[in-house]
């Protein structure tokens, strides 16, 4: 399975179609992948497992989200005022 994930990451070009977000506006898709990445990292760290599968969410949100949003969200997480549940 790890080889399958690594192969998908190597073929990765841009965010694939996600049927949960069929509209042109991809704001919710960006937000969800940002949350999923940080949830995944937190879960893997709690298990003591390798967090490489989380890179999928990272690459998707980096592809979809404006840098200014990500920077702001990261600052909020550091301050403890982030509105999302991670």
N, C-alpha and C. Protein backbone atom coordinates (compact mmCIF):
# COMPACT_ATOMS: atom_id res chain seq x y z
N UNK A 1 0.82 -1.19 0.00
CA UNK A 1 0.00 0.00 0.00
C UNK A 1 0.86 1.25 0.00
N UNK A 2 1.95 1.26 0.73
CA UNK A 2 2.83 2.42 0.77
C UNK A 2 3.40 2.71 -0.61
N UNK A 3 3.69 1.66 -1.37
CA UNK A 3 4.21 1.86 -2.72
C UNK A 3 3.15 2.50 -3.60
N UNK A 4 1.89 2.12 -3.40
CA UNK A 4 0.79 2.69 -4.17
C UNK A 4 0.66 4.18 -3.90
N UNK A 5 0.77 4.59 -2.65
CA UNK A 5 0.68 6.00 -2.28
C UNK A 5 1.86 6.77 -2.86
N UNK A 6 3.05 6.19 -2.77
CA UNK A 6 4.23 6.86 -3.32
C UNK A 6 4.12 7.01 -4.83
N UNK A 7 3.58 6.01 -5.50
CA UNK A 7 3.40 6.08 -6.95
C UNK A 7 2.40 7.17 -7.32
N UNK A 8 1.30 7.27 -6.56
CA UNK A 8 0.31 8.31 -6.82
C UNK A 8 0.91 9.70 -6.60
N UNK A 9 1.70 9.85 -5.57
CA UNK A 9 2.33 11.15 -5.30
C UNK A 9 3.29 11.55 -6.40
N UNK A 10 3.99 10.59 -6.98
CA UNK A 10 4.92 10.91 -8.05
C UNK A 10 4.19 11.32 -9.33
N UNK A 11 3.01 10.74 -9.58
CA UNK A 11 2.23 11.08 -10.77
C UNK A 11 1.40 12.34 -10.57
N UNK A 12 1.34 12.84 -9.36
CA UNK A 12 0.50 13.98 -9.01
C UNK A 12 0.89 15.23 -9.79
N UNK A 13 -0.06 15.84 -10.44
CA UNK A 13 0.17 17.09 -11.18
C UNK A 13 -0.56 18.25 -10.52
N UNK A 14 -1.86 18.10 -10.34
CA UNK A 14 -2.69 19.12 -9.70
C UNK A 14 -3.84 18.41 -9.01
N UNK A 15 -4.63 19.16 -8.28
CA UNK A 15 -5.73 18.57 -7.52
C UNK A 15 -6.71 17.86 -8.45
N UNK A 16 -7.01 16.59 -8.17
CA UNK A 16 -7.96 15.86 -9.01
C UNK A 16 -9.40 16.30 -8.71
N UNK A 17 -10.32 15.91 -9.56
CA UNK A 17 -11.73 16.21 -9.34
C UNK A 17 -12.20 15.51 -8.08
N UNK A 18 -12.93 16.23 -7.26
CA UNK A 18 -13.51 15.67 -6.03
C UNK A 18 -15.01 15.87 -6.13
N UNK A 19 -15.75 14.78 -6.20
CA UNK A 19 -17.20 14.86 -6.41
C UNK A 19 -17.93 15.52 -5.24
N UNK A 20 -17.27 15.66 -4.10
CA UNK A 20 -17.90 16.37 -2.98
C UNK A 20 -17.98 17.86 -3.25
N UNK A 21 -17.14 18.36 -4.17
CA UNK A 21 -17.07 19.78 -4.48
C UNK A 21 -17.18 19.97 -5.99
N UNK A 22 -18.39 19.77 -6.56
CA UNK A 22 -18.53 19.79 -8.02
C UNK A 22 -18.57 21.19 -8.64
N UNK A 23 -18.72 22.21 -7.83
CA UNK A 23 -18.86 23.56 -8.37
C UNK A 23 -17.52 24.18 -8.72
N UNK A 24 -17.59 25.29 -9.42
CA UNK A 24 -16.38 25.99 -9.83
C UNK A 24 -15.64 26.57 -8.63
N UNK A 25 -16.38 27.04 -7.63
CA UNK A 25 -15.76 27.60 -6.43
C UNK A 25 -15.17 26.47 -5.59
N UNK A 26 -13.85 26.47 -5.43
CA UNK A 26 -13.16 25.39 -4.72
C UNK A 26 -12.71 25.78 -3.33
N UNK A 27 -13.31 26.82 -2.76
CA UNK A 27 -12.94 27.29 -1.43
C UNK A 27 -13.13 26.21 -0.37
N UNK A 28 -14.27 25.54 -0.39
CA UNK A 28 -14.54 24.48 0.60
C UNK A 28 -13.58 23.31 0.42
N UNK A 29 -13.24 23.01 -0.82
CA UNK A 29 -12.29 21.94 -1.10
C UNK A 29 -10.92 22.29 -0.50
N UNK A 30 -10.50 23.51 -0.68
CA UNK A 30 -9.24 23.99 -0.11
C UNK A 30 -9.26 23.83 1.40
N UNK A 31 -10.31 24.33 2.04
CA UNK A 31 -10.45 24.28 3.49
C UNK A 31 -10.43 22.85 4.00
N UNK A 32 -11.18 21.97 3.35
CA UNK A 32 -11.28 20.58 3.79
C UNK A 32 -9.94 19.86 3.68
N UNK A 33 -9.21 20.09 2.62
CA UNK A 33 -7.91 19.43 2.47
C UNK A 33 -6.89 19.98 3.45
N UNK A 34 -6.98 21.27 3.79
CA UNK A 34 -6.10 21.85 4.81
C UNK A 34 -6.37 21.16 6.16
N UNK A 35 -7.64 21.04 6.51
CA UNK A 35 -8.00 20.37 7.77
C UNK A 35 -7.58 18.90 7.75
N UNK A 36 -7.85 18.22 6.64
CA UNK A 36 -7.51 16.80 6.53
C UNK A 36 -6.01 16.57 6.68
N UNK A 37 -5.20 17.46 6.11
CA UNK A 37 -3.75 17.31 6.23
C UNK A 37 -3.32 17.40 7.70
N UNK A 38 -3.80 18.39 8.40
CA UNK A 38 -3.38 18.56 9.78
C UNK A 38 -3.98 17.49 10.70
N UNK A 39 -5.17 17.03 10.40
CA UNK A 39 -5.76 15.91 11.16
C UNK A 39 -4.95 14.64 10.93
N UNK A 40 -4.57 14.41 9.69
CA UNK A 40 -3.78 13.23 9.34
C UNK A 40 -2.43 13.26 10.06
N UNK A 41 -1.75 14.40 10.01
CA UNK A 41 -0.46 14.51 10.70
C UNK A 41 -0.60 14.26 12.19
N UNK A 42 -1.65 14.81 12.79
CA UNK A 42 -1.89 14.63 14.22
C UNK A 42 -2.16 13.16 14.55
N UNK A 43 -2.96 12.51 13.72
CA UNK A 43 -3.28 11.10 13.95
C UNK A 43 -2.05 10.21 13.78
N UNK A 44 -1.25 10.49 12.77
CA UNK A 44 -0.04 9.69 12.54
C UNK A 44 0.98 9.90 13.65
N UNK A 45 1.09 11.12 14.13
CA UNK A 45 2.02 11.40 15.23
C UNK A 45 1.57 10.68 16.50
N UNK A 46 0.26 10.62 16.73
CA UNK A 46 -0.26 9.93 17.91
C UNK A 46 0.01 8.44 17.86
N UNK A 47 -0.01 7.87 16.64
CA UNK A 47 0.27 6.45 16.47
C UNK A 47 1.76 6.15 16.38
N UNK A 48 2.54 7.19 16.16
CA UNK A 48 3.98 7.00 15.97
C UNK A 48 4.29 6.44 14.59
N UNK A 49 3.39 6.66 13.65
CA UNK A 49 3.54 6.13 12.29
C UNK A 49 4.12 7.19 11.35
N UNK A 50 4.52 6.73 10.19
CA UNK A 50 5.06 7.62 9.16
C UNK A 50 3.93 8.48 8.60
N UNK A 51 4.16 9.77 8.47
CA UNK A 51 3.14 10.70 8.00
C UNK A 51 3.17 10.92 6.50
N UNK A 52 3.86 10.08 5.75
CA UNK A 52 3.95 10.30 4.30
C UNK A 52 2.60 10.21 3.58
N UNK A 53 1.63 9.39 4.02
CA UNK A 53 0.33 9.43 3.34
C UNK A 53 -0.36 10.79 3.43
N UNK A 54 -0.01 11.58 4.42
CA UNK A 54 -0.62 12.90 4.60
C UNK A 54 -0.18 13.87 3.51
N UNK A 55 0.91 13.55 2.82
CA UNK A 55 1.42 14.46 1.79
C UNK A 55 0.42 14.66 0.66
N UNK A 56 -0.47 13.70 0.46
CA UNK A 56 -1.50 13.86 -0.56
C UNK A 56 -2.34 15.10 -0.24
N UNK A 57 -2.84 15.23 0.97
CA UNK A 57 -3.66 16.38 1.35
C UNK A 57 -2.86 17.67 1.26
N UNK A 58 -1.60 17.61 1.64
CA UNK A 58 -0.72 18.77 1.58
C UNK A 58 -0.61 19.29 0.15
N UNK A 59 -0.35 18.40 -0.76
CA UNK A 59 -0.17 18.80 -2.15
C UNK A 59 -1.47 19.32 -2.75
N UNK A 60 -2.60 18.74 -2.36
CA UNK A 60 -3.88 19.20 -2.88
C UNK A 60 -4.19 20.59 -2.34
N UNK A 61 -4.04 20.80 -1.03
CA UNK A 61 -4.37 22.13 -0.53
C UNK A 61 -3.37 23.18 -1.00
N UNK A 62 -2.12 22.82 -1.21
CA UNK A 62 -1.14 23.76 -1.76
C UNK A 62 -1.51 24.13 -3.19
N UNK A 63 -2.12 23.22 -3.90
CA UNK A 63 -2.53 23.47 -5.28
C UNK A 63 -3.78 24.35 -5.33
N UNK A 64 -4.69 24.19 -4.37
CA UNK A 64 -5.97 24.89 -4.41
C UNK A 64 -5.99 26.21 -3.64
N UNK A 65 -5.30 26.27 -2.52
CA UNK A 65 -5.45 27.41 -1.60
C UNK A 65 -4.48 28.55 -1.92
N UNK A 66 -4.97 29.78 -1.84
CA UNK A 66 -4.06 30.92 -1.95
C UNK A 66 -3.08 30.92 -0.79
N UNK A 67 -1.86 31.31 -1.05
CA UNK A 67 -0.81 31.30 -0.03
C UNK A 67 -1.17 32.18 1.15
N UNK A 68 -1.82 33.29 0.91
CA UNK A 68 -2.18 34.20 2.01
C UNK A 68 -3.14 33.53 2.99
N UNK A 69 -4.05 32.70 2.49
CA UNK A 69 -4.98 32.00 3.37
C UNK A 69 -4.22 31.01 4.25
N UNK A 70 -3.34 30.25 3.63
CA UNK A 70 -2.58 29.23 4.36
C UNK A 70 -1.72 29.89 5.43
N UNK A 71 -1.07 30.98 5.08
CA UNK A 71 -0.24 31.70 6.04
C UNK A 71 -1.07 32.17 7.22
N UNK A 72 -2.23 32.73 6.94
CA UNK A 72 -3.11 33.20 8.01
C UNK A 72 -3.58 32.05 8.88
N UNK A 73 -3.98 30.94 8.26
CA UNK A 73 -4.45 29.79 9.03
C UNK A 73 -3.33 29.21 9.89
N UNK A 74 -2.11 29.18 9.36
CA UNK A 74 -0.98 28.68 10.14
C UNK A 74 -0.73 29.58 11.35
N UNK A 75 -0.84 30.89 11.16
CA UNK A 75 -0.67 31.82 12.28
C UNK A 75 -1.75 31.60 13.32
N UNK A 76 -2.99 31.41 12.89
CA UNK A 76 -4.08 31.14 13.82
C UNK A 76 -3.85 29.86 14.61
N UNK A 77 -3.34 28.82 13.94
CA UNK A 77 -3.06 27.57 14.64
C UNK A 77 -1.99 27.77 15.70
N UNK A 78 -0.95 28.54 15.38
CA UNK A 78 0.13 28.81 16.35
C UNK A 78 -0.39 29.60 17.55
N UNK A 79 -1.31 30.53 17.28
CA UNK A 79 -1.86 31.36 18.36
C UNK A 79 -2.93 30.62 19.17
N UNK A 80 -3.44 29.53 18.64
CA UNK A 80 -4.50 28.79 19.31
C UNK A 80 -5.89 29.35 19.03
N UNK A 81 -6.02 30.15 18.00
CA UNK A 81 -7.32 30.76 17.66
C UNK A 81 -7.88 30.23 16.35
N UNK A 82 -7.37 29.12 15.87
CA UNK A 82 -7.83 28.56 14.61
C UNK A 82 -9.27 28.09 14.74
N UNK A 83 -10.17 28.49 13.80
CA UNK A 83 -11.58 28.16 13.93
C UNK A 83 -11.96 26.71 13.58
N UNK A 84 -11.08 25.99 12.89
CA UNK A 84 -11.39 24.62 12.50
C UNK A 84 -11.06 23.62 13.59
N UNK A 85 -11.68 22.44 13.49
CA UNK A 85 -11.41 21.39 14.47
C UNK A 85 -10.39 20.42 13.90
N UNK A 86 -9.20 20.44 14.48
CA UNK A 86 -8.13 19.55 14.03
C UNK A 86 -7.90 18.50 15.10
